[in-house]
């Protein structure tokens, strides 16, 4: 009788869930909790984003080495080592009071935690080919939805209680539980010497170095795009050129670190492009949404965390519905069209906000639409991209690794693009609005006098005038940020429309 279940399948599914949930939880926490963490470690926005690109570069190098390490350590020991590094890095971050200490902690976390998502997906294949394997997909997708959704709420709760370090304690605890469960269910077999892939320190260093060059240029573009545009473009071209050369080297290698030759399939490459697009949107929207709600609409941080979590839980509902539909109608095109339509609705809803907008009736439904897009686009692409690699274990593993390396670039590009768009359009709107508020202008004078009268009861005339000017400046910045956000989500809306039409007409995923 054929075996259809893993001997310790419940423990394996719990390990998959915890590893993937920890990865998406930490990514969301680092994005949403950026301002609070910066205040605790006395870091500037530039320094904090530098920490982000260091983590991403280290993560790319760690993911590139993952299969090489599993061949030599076995799954059980690999997960133990990864978790040990992740927990050590989390402990450094939790105890940080300086930028340098936090930077080192995040780099160590990247060494260990970068492979969590890849590991979670590959561990599903330890379940023998059967309908039981779909339970692994369910565990993976639900952990993605829950981890991504809960990150803002957990972060807001920790910061509100003046315990920002607790987010790292939670991450470390989840990783330790995953390692303990993995120790009970993961195999220990090693790959024979003759079948192992080849790697060398210079190769890994080159991958990290060229990736860092690209990521650094993307990060600096958010601050120096206008003054240092050409040098930044040169950095990107040098980084991309180096990675292309490394790709050619690996393509021709007999025992490569990444088996790229086996991945040259239209279905896989199309899926890789879709993954990249989804991660760009994920990084950009996760950057823009808190800014829009806090700076433009003026809502408190802890409330924003709850609204984001409630909205993103729509991804869990969407996956449950998707899983039921797949039982009788598994064709992916309808899920793609529905996902991009949900993103279109999200962009449309946010592009028509005004200063009196309600978080619950105007913003929450838009976030829910974004959550539906995330799960339908990412989960569907995850299922469709690798169907041609299912019978080639090495290609499947390396395809997952390459996809997750690309995700680091996609998220970094999305963050940089959103930050650059926000700065560019906000400054333009401030300039345009300020033209109507010139000193000596009758309307401006009347407005300042009305504001000053509100402060005159508790302040002297001179101080009331100063407070009125400060308030007017704040209103100007708030209005400019709102207009910039509206323009950004108008672009997202049009991108989603193009995506929906394209996925309805494409013939690769049918």
Protein backbone atom coordinates (compact mmCIF):
# COMPACT_ATOMS: atom_id res chain seq x y z
CA UNK A 1 0.00 0.00 0.00
CA UNK A 2 1.41 3.40 -0.98
CA UNK A 3 2.20 5.97 1.72
CA UNK A 4 0.26 9.22 1.40
CA UNK A 5 1.13 10.90 4.70
CA UNK A 6 4.29 12.00 6.43
CA UNK A 7 4.79 9.88 9.59
CA UNK A 8 4.65 13.02 11.75
CA UNK A 9 2.60 15.20 9.46
CA UNK A 10 0.89 17.34 12.13
CA UNK A 11 4.28 18.37 13.54
CA UNK A 12 5.59 19.03 10.03
CA UNK A 13 2.61 21.25 9.17
CA UNK A 14 3.04 23.16 12.43
CA UNK A 15 6.73 23.69 11.60
CA UNK A 16 5.84 24.98 8.13
CA UNK A 17 3.24 27.33 9.61
CA UNK A 18 5.55 28.78 12.27
CA UNK A 19 8.56 29.27 9.99
CA UNK A 20 6.56 31.13 7.35
CA UNK A 21 4.47 33.11 9.84
CA UNK A 22 7.65 34.24 11.62
CA UNK A 23 9.14 35.47 8.34
CA UNK A 24 6.11 37.54 7.33
CA UNK A 25 5.56 38.74 10.89
CA UNK A 26 9.12 40.06 11.20
CA UNK A 27 8.99 41.75 7.79
CA UNK A 28 5.73 43.51 8.66
CA UNK A 29 6.95 44.50 12.11
CA UNK A 30 10.15 46.06 10.79
CA UNK A 31 8.16 48.10 8.26
CA UNK A 32 5.32 49.25 10.52
CA UNK A 33 7.47 49.79 13.61
CA UNK A 34 10.18 51.76 11.82
CA UNK A 35 9.52 55.13 13.47
CA UNK A 36 9.30 53.70 16.99
CA UNK A 37 12.49 51.65 16.58
CA UNK A 38 14.35 54.64 15.10
CA UNK A 39 13.50 56.65 18.17
CA UNK A 40 14.79 53.94 20.51
CA UNK A 41 18.15 53.47 18.77
CA UNK A 42 18.62 57.15 17.81
CA UNK A 43 18.74 56.35 14.09
CA UNK A 44 17.80 58.60 11.18
CA UNK A 45 15.48 57.38 8.39
CA UNK A 46 18.55 57.01 6.15
CA UNK A 47 20.28 54.83 8.74
CA UNK A 48 17.20 52.68 9.28
CA UNK A 49 16.75 52.06 5.56
CA UNK A 50 20.45 51.15 5.42
CA UNK A 51 19.72 48.47 8.03
CA UNK A 52 16.94 47.24 5.73
CA UNK A 53 19.22 46.85 2.73
CA UNK A 54 21.93 45.14 4.80
CA UNK A 55 19.33 42.63 5.96
CA UNK A 56 18.18 42.10 2.37
CA UNK A 57 21.73 41.64 1.03
CA UNK A 58 22.62 39.18 3.80
CA UNK A 59 19.33 37.38 3.18
CA UNK A 60 20.10 36.99 -0.52
CA UNK A 61 23.48 35.44 0.29
CA UNK A 62 21.96 33.14 2.91
CA UNK A 63 19.20 31.97 0.57
CA UNK A 64 21.75 31.31 -2.19
CA UNK A 65 23.63 28.99 0.18
CA UNK A 66 20.57 27.25 1.60
CA UNK A 67 20.54 24.11 -0.55
CA UNK A 68 24.33 23.84 -0.29
CA UNK A 69 24.04 23.86 3.52
CA UNK A 70 21.12 21.40 3.64
CA UNK A 71 23.16 18.94 1.58
CA UNK A 72 25.88 19.02 4.24
CA UNK A 73 23.86 19.48 7.45
CA UNK A 74 20.54 17.78 6.76
CA UNK A 75 17.17 19.42 7.28
CA UNK A 76 17.00 19.05 11.05
CA UNK A 77 20.40 20.53 11.79
CA UNK A 78 19.96 23.27 9.19
CA UNK A 79 16.75 24.50 10.84
CA UNK A 80 18.41 24.38 14.27
CA UNK A 81 21.38 26.46 13.10
CA UNK A 82 19.13 28.92 11.26
CA UNK A 83 16.93 29.42 14.31
CA UNK A 84 19.96 29.79 16.60
CA UNK A 85 21.31 32.60 14.42
CA UNK A 86 17.90 34.23 14.15
CA UNK A 87 17.36 34.15 17.92
CA UNK A 88 20.87 35.52 18.57
CA UNK A 89 20.18 38.39 16.19
CA UNK A 90 16.77 39.03 17.75
CA UNK A 91 18.38 39.19 21.20
CA UNK A 92 20.89 41.75 19.95
CA UNK A 93 18.09 43.86 18.45
CA UNK A 94 15.95 43.64 21.59
CA UNK A 95 18.81 44.94 23.72
CA UNK A 96 19.92 47.60 21.25
CA UNK A 97 20.25 51.21 22.22
CA UNK A 98 22.51 52.24 19.33
CA UNK A 99 22.26 52.11 15.57
CA UNK A 100 25.39 49.93 15.18
CA UNK A 101 24.16 47.30 17.63
CA UNK A 102 20.80 47.13 15.90
CA UNK A 103 22.50 46.87 12.50
CA UNK A 104 24.59 43.91 13.64
CA UNK A 105 21.53 42.27 15.18
CA UNK A 106 19.49 42.55 11.98
CA UNK A 107 22.36 41.21 9.90
CA UNK A 108 22.60 38.14 12.16
CA UNK A 109 18.81 37.73 12.00
CA UNK A 110 19.10 37.78 8.20
CA UNK A 111 21.70 35.02 8.25
CA UNK A 112 19.32 32.75 10.10
CA UNK A 113 15.84 33.89 9.18
CA UNK A 114 16.28 34.56 5.48
CA UNK A 115 15.64 30.92 4.64
CA UNK A 116 12.49 30.51 6.75
CA UNK A 117 10.03 31.07 3.90
CA UNK A 118 12.01 28.93 1.43
CA UNK A 119 12.39 26.19 4.02
CA UNK A 120 8.68 26.25 4.83
CA UNK A 121 7.75 25.74 1.18
CA UNK A 122 10.33 23.01 0.55
CA UNK A 123 9.36 21.09 3.69
CA UNK A 124 5.89 20.59 2.20
CA UNK A 125 7.50 18.27 -0.35
CA UNK A 126 8.43 15.89 2.46
CA UNK A 127 4.76 14.87 2.35
CA UNK A 128 4.45 12.11 -0.28
CA UNK A 129 2.73 13.18 -3.53
CA UNK A 130 -0.97 12.92 -2.73
CA UNK A 131 -3.93 15.13 -1.84
CA UNK A 132 -2.37 15.32 1.63
CA UNK A 133 0.29 17.65 0.25
CA UNK A 134 -2.36 20.31 -0.29
CA UNK A 135 -2.66 20.56 3.50
CA UNK A 136 0.91 21.84 3.47
CA UNK A 137 -0.07 24.49 0.94
CA UNK A 138 -2.94 25.50 3.21
CA UNK A 139 -0.59 25.78 6.20
CA UNK A 140 1.85 27.85 4.14
CA UNK A 141 -0.77 30.24 2.74
CA UNK A 142 -2.62 30.76 6.02
CA UNK A 143 0.65 31.50 7.81
CA UNK A 144 1.45 34.10 5.14
CA UNK A 145 -1.95 35.74 5.59
CA UNK A 146 -1.91 35.68 9.41
CA UNK A 147 1.72 36.78 9.77
CA UNK A 148 1.35 39.65 7.31
CA UNK A 149 -1.96 40.77 8.85
CA UNK A 150 -1.02 40.58 12.53
CA UNK A 151 2.30 42.44 12.25
CA UNK A 152 0.85 45.99 12.53
CA UNK A 153 -1.42 45.17 15.47
CA UNK A 154 1.28 43.34 17.46
CA UNK A 155 3.80 46.11 16.79
CA UNK A 156 1.36 48.86 17.77
CA UNK A 157 0.48 47.00 20.98
CA UNK A 158 4.15 46.56 21.94
CA UNK A 159 5.06 50.18 21.25
CA UNK A 160 1.94 51.53 22.97
CA UNK A 161 2.99 49.67 26.13
CA UNK A 162 6.54 51.04 25.81
CA UNK A 163 7.91 47.57 25.11
CA UNK A 164 9.20 47.77 21.53
CA UNK A 165 11.78 45.09 22.36
CA UNK A 166 8.92 42.61 22.89
CA UNK A 167 8.48 42.20 19.14
CA UNK A 168 11.93 40.58 18.96
CA UNK A 169 11.19 38.40 21.98
CA UNK A 170 8.03 37.18 20.25
CA UNK A 171 9.88 36.47 16.99
CA UNK A 172 12.60 34.56 18.84
CA UNK A 173 10.04 32.52 20.78
CA UNK A 174 8.13 31.53 17.62
CA UNK A 175 11.37 30.49 15.92
CA UNK A 176 12.43 28.37 18.93
CA UNK A 177 9.08 26.55 18.91
CA UNK A 178 9.51 25.90 15.17
CA UNK A 179 12.98 24.44 15.80
CA UNK A 180 11.70 22.20 18.60
CA UNK A 181 8.90 20.87 16.43
CA UNK A 182 11.29 20.44 13.52
CA UNK A 183 13.62 18.40 15.71
CA UNK A 184 10.80 15.89 16.12
CA UNK A 185 9.77 15.52 12.49
CA UNK A 186 12.54 16.58 10.08
CA UNK A 187 14.95 14.14 8.41
CA UNK A 188 18.67 14.02 9.17
CA UNK A 189 19.96 12.45 5.92
CA UNK A 190 22.88 14.11 4.13
CA UNK A 191 23.43 14.30 0.37
CA UNK A 192 26.23 12.05 -0.95
CA UNK A 193 29.45 13.92 -1.78
CA UNK A 194 29.19 13.16 -5.50
CA UNK A 195 25.75 14.81 -5.75
CA UNK A 196 26.46 17.99 -3.79
CA UNK A 197 26.40 21.43 -5.38
CA UNK A 198 29.51 23.58 -5.52
CA UNK A 199 30.06 26.90 -3.75
CA UNK A 200 33.00 29.06 -2.82
CA UNK A 201 33.37 32.08 -0.53
CA UNK A 202 34.26 34.41 -3.44
CA UNK A 203 31.10 33.37 -5.31
CA UNK A 204 28.85 34.00 -2.32
CA UNK A 205 30.65 37.27 -1.56
CA UNK A 206 30.12 38.37 -5.18
CA UNK A 207 26.39 37.60 -4.98
CA UNK A 208 26.08 39.60 -1.76
CA UNK A 209 28.30 42.43 -3.03
CA UNK A 210 26.51 42.99 -6.33
CA UNK A 211 23.13 42.66 -4.63
CA UNK A 212 24.18 45.20 -2.02
CA UNK A 213 25.28 47.60 -4.76
CA UNK A 214 21.83 47.45 -6.39
CA UNK A 215 19.99 47.70 -3.09
CA UNK A 216 22.13 50.58 -1.87
CA UNK A 217 21.42 52.56 -5.03
CA UNK A 218 17.69 51.94 -4.64
CA UNK A 219 17.84 53.05 -1.01
CA UNK A 220 19.81 56.21 -1.74
CA UNK A 221 17.50 57.08 -4.63
CA UNK A 222 14.84 57.92 -2.06
CA UNK A 223 17.08 60.71 -0.71
CA UNK A 224 19.58 61.66 -3.43
CA UNK A 225 17.70 60.93 -6.67
CA UNK A 226 17.89 64.50 -7.97
CA UNK A 227 21.38 65.41 -6.77
CA UNK A 228 23.11 62.07 -7.39
CA UNK A 229 21.04 60.53 -10.17
CA UNK A 230 23.87 59.50 -12.49
CA UNK A 231 26.12 57.90 -9.82
CA UNK A 232 23.13 55.97 -8.50
CA UNK A 233 22.26 54.79 -12.00
CA UNK A 234 25.90 53.70 -12.45
CA UNK A 235 25.66 51.69 -9.21
CA UNK A 236 22.51 49.94 -10.39
CA UNK A 237 24.03 49.12 -13.79
CA UNK A 238 27.23 47.83 -12.17
CA UNK A 239 25.26 45.68 -9.73
CA UNK A 240 22.93 44.29 -12.39
CA UNK A 241 25.87 43.70 -14.74
CA UNK A 242 27.72 41.78 -12.06
CA UNK A 243 24.68 39.64 -11.30
CA UNK A 244 24.24 38.90 -15.02
CA UNK A 245 27.85 37.70 -15.22
CA UNK A 246 27.32 35.50 -12.18
CA UNK A 247 24.17 34.11 -13.80
CA UNK A 248 26.12 33.16 -16.92
CA UNK A 249 28.81 31.57 -14.77
CA UNK A 250 26.26 29.46 -12.88
CA UNK A 251 24.40 28.56 -16.07
CA UNK A 252 27.54 26.96 -17.50
CA UNK A 253 28.76 25.29 -14.28
CA UNK A 254 28.57 21.49 -14.00
CA UNK A 255 27.58 21.55 -10.29
CA UNK A 256 26.31 25.09 -9.74
CA UNK A 257 25.27 26.77 -6.51
CA UNK A 258 22.03 27.67 -8.31
CA UNK A 259 20.86 25.31 -11.06
CA UNK A 260 19.68 28.11 -13.34
CA UNK A 261 19.83 26.04 -16.53
CA UNK A 262 16.95 23.89 -15.27
CA UNK A 263 14.82 26.95 -14.59
CA UNK A 264 14.70 28.29 -18.15
CA UNK A 265 11.00 27.55 -18.70
CA UNK A 266 8.37 30.02 -19.88
CA UNK A 267 6.00 29.13 -17.06
CA UNK A 268 8.64 29.57 -14.35
CA UNK A 269 10.06 32.80 -15.78
CA UNK A 270 6.56 34.27 -16.19
CA UNK A 271 5.78 33.35 -12.61
CA UNK A 272 9.03 34.91 -11.44
CA UNK A 273 8.02 38.17 -13.11
CA UNK A 274 4.61 38.04 -11.44
CA UNK A 275 6.19 37.37 -8.05
CA UNK A 276 8.49 40.35 -8.53
CA UNK A 277 5.56 42.63 -9.40
CA UNK A 278 3.56 41.44 -6.38
CA UNK A 279 6.47 42.04 -4.01
CA UNK A 280 7.05 45.52 -5.46
CA UNK A 281 3.38 46.37 -4.78
CA UNK A 282 3.60 44.78 -1.32
CA UNK A 283 6.66 46.81 -0.37
CA UNK A 284 5.27 50.06 -1.80
CA UNK A 285 1.80 49.77 -0.26
CA UNK A 286 3.15 48.71 3.13
CA UNK A 287 5.23 51.90 3.04
CA UNK A 288 2.50 54.23 1.81
CA UNK A 289 -0.53 53.06 3.82
CA UNK A 290 0.74 54.00 7.32
CA UNK A 291 2.01 57.34 5.99
CA UNK A 292 -1.35 58.11 4.43
CA UNK A 293 -3.28 57.26 7.60
CA UNK A 294 -0.94 58.96 10.05
CA UNK A 295 0.53 62.01 8.31
CA UNK A 296 -2.29 62.80 5.87
CA UNK A 297 -5.38 61.82 7.87
CA UNK A 298 -3.97 62.36 11.35
CA UNK A 299 -5.04 59.12 13.04
CA UNK A 300 -3.12 57.76 16.06
CA UNK A 301 -0.58 55.03 15.52
CA UNK A 302 -2.19 52.33 17.67
CA UNK A 303 -5.53 52.73 15.87
CA UNK A 304 -3.78 52.47 12.51
CA UNK A 305 -2.24 49.16 13.59
CA UNK A 306 -5.64 47.69 14.42
CA UNK A 307 -7.20 48.89 11.16
CA UNK A 308 -4.36 47.48 9.09
CA UNK A 309 -4.62 44.11 10.82
CA UNK A 310 -8.40 43.91 10.45
CA UNK A 311 -8.17 44.89 6.79
CA UNK A 312 -5.38 42.47 5.92
CA UNK A 313 -7.23 39.57 7.55
CA UNK A 314 -9.31 39.64 4.36
CA UNK A 315 -6.45 37.68 2.82
CA UNK A 316 -7.26 34.75 5.11
CA UNK A 317 -10.93 34.84 4.12
CA UNK A 318 -9.94 35.09 0.44
CA UNK A 319 -7.74 32.01 0.71
CA UNK A 320 -10.49 29.96 2.35
CA UNK A 321 -12.86 30.88 -0.49
CA UNK A 322 -10.15 30.23 -3.08
CA UNK A 323 -9.37 26.79 -1.61
CA UNK A 324 -13.03 25.77 -1.82
CA UNK A 325 -13.38 26.96 -5.41
CA UNK A 326 -10.20 25.14 -6.41
CA UNK A 327 -11.76 21.79 -5.48
CA UNK A 328 -14.10 21.98 -8.47
CA UNK A 329 -12.60 24.76 -10.67
CA UNK A 330 -8.80 24.96 -10.25
CA UNK A 331 -8.05 27.08 -13.37
CA UNK A 332 -6.00 30.09 -12.18
CA UNK A 333 -7.10 32.85 -14.57
CA UNK A 334 -10.20 33.81 -12.57
CA UNK A 335 -8.14 34.13 -9.37
CA UNK A 336 -5.67 36.47 -11.06
CA UNK A 337 -8.44 38.63 -12.51
CA UNK A 338 -10.20 38.74 -9.13
CA UNK A 339 -6.95 39.63 -7.37
CA UNK A 340 -6.08 42.51 -9.67
CA UNK A 341 -9.71 43.67 -9.58
CA UNK A 342 -9.45 43.80 -5.76
CA UNK A 343 -6.26 45.85 -6.10
CA UNK A 344 -8.08 48.17 -8.54
CA UNK A 345 -10.85 48.66 -5.99
CA UNK A 346 -8.29 49.37 -3.27
CA UNK A 347 -6.55 51.99 -5.40
CA UNK A 348 -9.85 53.54 -6.47
CA UNK A 349 -11.09 53.77 -2.89
CA UNK A 350 -7.87 55.38 -1.62
CA UNK A 351 -7.57 57.74 -4.59
CA UNK A 352 -10.83 59.48 -3.61
CA UNK A 353 -10.04 60.23 0.04
CA UNK A 354 -10.49 63.64 1.61
CA UNK A 355 -9.37 65.12 4.97
CA UNK A 356 -12.67 64.03 6.58
CA UNK A 357 -12.26 60.38 5.51
CA UNK A 358 -13.16 57.67 8.02
CA UNK A 359 -10.72 54.85 8.77
CA UNK A 360 -13.55 52.36 9.15
CA UNK A 361 -15.76 53.17 6.17
CA UNK A 362 -13.24 54.60 3.68
CA UNK A 363 -9.80 53.15 4.43
CA UNK A 364 -10.58 49.73 5.95
CA UNK A 365 -12.43 48.41 2.83
CA UNK A 366 -9.49 49.53 0.67
CA UNK A 367 -7.01 47.68 2.88
CA UNK A 368 -9.25 44.61 2.67
CA UNK A 369 -9.08 44.82 -1.12
CA UNK A 370 -5.30 44.97 -0.93
CA UNK A 371 -5.26 41.92 1.33
CA UNK A 372 -7.39 39.98 -1.18
CA UNK A 373 -4.94 40.90 -3.94
CA UNK A 374 -1.93 39.76 -1.90
CA UNK A 375 -3.25 36.28 -1.23
CA UNK A 376 -4.91 35.67 -4.62
CA UNK A 377 -1.91 36.90 -6.62
CA UNK A 378 0.86 35.40 -4.48
CA UNK A 379 -0.83 32.10 -3.62
CA UNK A 380 -1.98 31.50 -7.19
CA UNK A 381 1.47 32.31 -8.58
CA UNK A 382 3.08 30.03 -5.99
CA UNK A 383 0.90 27.16 -7.16
CA UNK A 384 1.27 27.81 -10.89
CA UNK A 385 4.93 28.82 -11.26
CA UNK A 386 6.45 25.53 -10.14
CA UNK A 387 4.17 22.98 -11.80
CA UNK A 388 6.79 22.30 -14.47
CA UNK A 389 9.45 21.68 -11.79
CA UNK A 390 7.51 19.29 -9.55
CA UNK A 391 9.34 16.21 -10.80
CA UNK A 392 12.81 17.77 -10.53
CA UNK A 393 13.58 18.18 -6.81
CA UNK A 394 16.77 20.16 -7.40
CA UNK A 395 15.17 22.56 -9.87
CA UNK A 396 12.17 23.00 -7.58
CA UNK A 397 14.40 23.85 -4.59
CA UNK A 398 16.59 26.24 -6.57
CA UNK A 399 13.54 27.81 -8.19
CA UNK A 400 12.13 28.56 -4.74
CA UNK A 401 15.46 30.02 -3.64
CA UNK A 402 15.74 32.27 -6.69
CA UNK A 403 12.16 33.44 -6.24
CA UNK A 404 12.79 34.43 -2.63
CA UNK A 405 16.05 36.17 -3.54
CA UNK A 406 14.10 38.18 -6.13
CA UNK A 407 11.51 39.03 -3.47
CA UNK A 408 14.18 40.93 -1.52
CA UNK A 409 14.84 43.10 -4.59
CA UNK A 410 11.11 43.54 -5.23
CA UNK A 411 10.31 44.73 -1.72
CA UNK A 412 13.34 47.06 -1.70
CA UNK A 413 12.31 48.52 -5.07
CA UNK A 414 8.73 49.00 -3.86
CA UNK A 415 9.85 50.80 -0.69
CA UNK A 416 12.24 53.03 -2.66
CA UNK A 417 9.64 53.83 -5.32
CA UNK A 418 6.95 54.70 -2.77
CA UNK A 419 9.34 56.84 -0.72
CA UNK A 420 10.60 58.66 -3.80
CA UNK A 421 7.07 59.25 -5.12
CA UNK A 422 5.95 60.50 -1.72
CA UNK A 423 8.83 62.97 -1.40
CA UNK A 424 8.57 64.17 -5.00
CA UNK A 425 4.82 64.71 -5.10
CA UNK A 426 4.60 66.09 -1.55
CA UNK A 427 7.24 68.72 -2.28
CA UNK A 428 5.48 69.65 -5.54
CA UNK A 429 2.14 70.07 -3.79
CA UNK A 430 3.68 72.06 -0.95
CA UNK A 431 5.12 74.44 -3.53
CA UNK A 432 1.81 74.77 -5.36
CA UNK A 433 -0.23 75.23 -2.19
CA UNK A 434 2.22 77.73 -0.75
CA UNK A 435 1.72 79.95 -3.81
CA UNK A 436 -1.77 80.65 -2.52
CA UNK A 437 -0.56 81.40 1.00
CA UNK A 438 1.91 84.24 0.49
CA UNK A 439 2.67 86.73 3.33
CA UNK A 440 0.52 89.81 2.91
CA UNK A 441 -2.14 87.94 0.94
CA UNK A 442 -5.58 88.92 2.34
CA UNK A 443 -6.85 85.31 2.51
CA UNK A 444 -3.69 84.11 4.22
CA UNK A 445 -3.83 86.98 6.70
CA UNK A 446 -7.47 86.27 7.55
CA UNK A 447 -6.76 82.56 7.97
CA UNK A 448 -3.83 83.22 10.32
CA UNK A 449 -5.92 85.68 12.34
CA UNK A 450 -8.69 83.12 12.74
CA UNK A 451 -6.20 80.48 13.89
CA UNK A 452 -4.48 82.90 16.26
CA UNK A 453 -7.81 83.74 17.88
CA UNK A 454 -8.18 80.07 18.83
CA UNK A 455 -4.92 80.26 20.80
CA UNK A 456 -5.37 83.77 22.22
CA UNK A 457 -7.40 82.59 25.21
CA UNK A 458 -4.46 80.61 26.63
CA UNK A 459 -1.45 82.35 25.03
CA UNK A 460 -0.20 85.87 24.50
CA UNK A 461 -0.70 87.64 21.15
CA UNK A 462 2.85 86.96 19.88
CA UNK A 463 2.83 83.29 20.89
CA UNK A 464 -0.68 82.82 19.49
CA UNK A 465 0.50 84.18 16.12
CA UNK A 466 3.47 81.78 16.15
CA UNK A 467 1.25 78.81 17.01
CA UNK A 468 -1.13 79.80 14.22
CA UNK A 469 1.75 79.79 11.72
CA UNK A 470 2.90 76.36 12.97
CA UNK A 471 -0.63 75.00 12.62
CA UNK A 472 -0.97 76.40 9.12
CA UNK A 473 2.32 74.78 8.13
CA UNK A 474 1.16 71.44 9.53
CA UNK A 475 -2.12 71.68 7.61
CA UNK A 476 -0.18 72.51 4.46
CA UNK A 477 2.07 69.45 4.88
CA UNK A 478 -0.92 67.27 5.73
CA UNK A 479 -2.82 68.37 2.63
CA UNK A 480 0.26 67.92 0.41
CA UNK A 481 0.82 64.39 1.76
CA UNK A 482 -2.83 63.51 1.15
CA UNK A 483 -2.64 64.73 -2.45
CA UNK A 484 0.59 62.75 -2.98
CA UNK A 485 -1.09 59.64 -1.58
CA UNK A 486 -4.11 60.12 -3.82
CA UNK A 487 -1.84 60.35 -6.88
CA UNK A 488 0.10 57.27 -5.81
CA UNK A 489 -3.02 55.14 -5.41
CA UNK A 490 -4.34 56.44 -8.72
CA UNK A 491 -1.23 54.93 -10.32
CA UNK A 492 -1.83 51.68 -8.38
CA UNK A 493 -5.39 51.66 -9.72
CA UNK A 494 -4.22 51.94 -13.32
CA UNK A 495 -1.52 49.30 -12.77
CA UNK A 496 -4.17 46.97 -11.39
CA UNK A 497 -6.42 47.58 -14.40
CA UNK A 498 -3.58 46.70 -16.78
CA UNK A 499 -2.83 43.63 -14.66
CA UNK A 500 -6.43 42.42 -14.72
CA UNK A 501 -6.70 42.78 -18.50
CA UNK A 502 -3.32 41.16 -19.07
CA UNK A 503 -4.12 38.16 -16.85
CA UNK A 504 -7.50 37.75 -18.54
CA UNK A 505 -5.82 37.54 -21.97
CA UNK A 506 -2.59 35.66 -21.15
CA UNK A 507 -2.17 31.99 -22.13
CA UNK A 508 0.67 30.84 -19.86
CA UNK A 509 -1.38 30.20 -16.71
CA UNK A 510 -4.62 28.51 -17.77
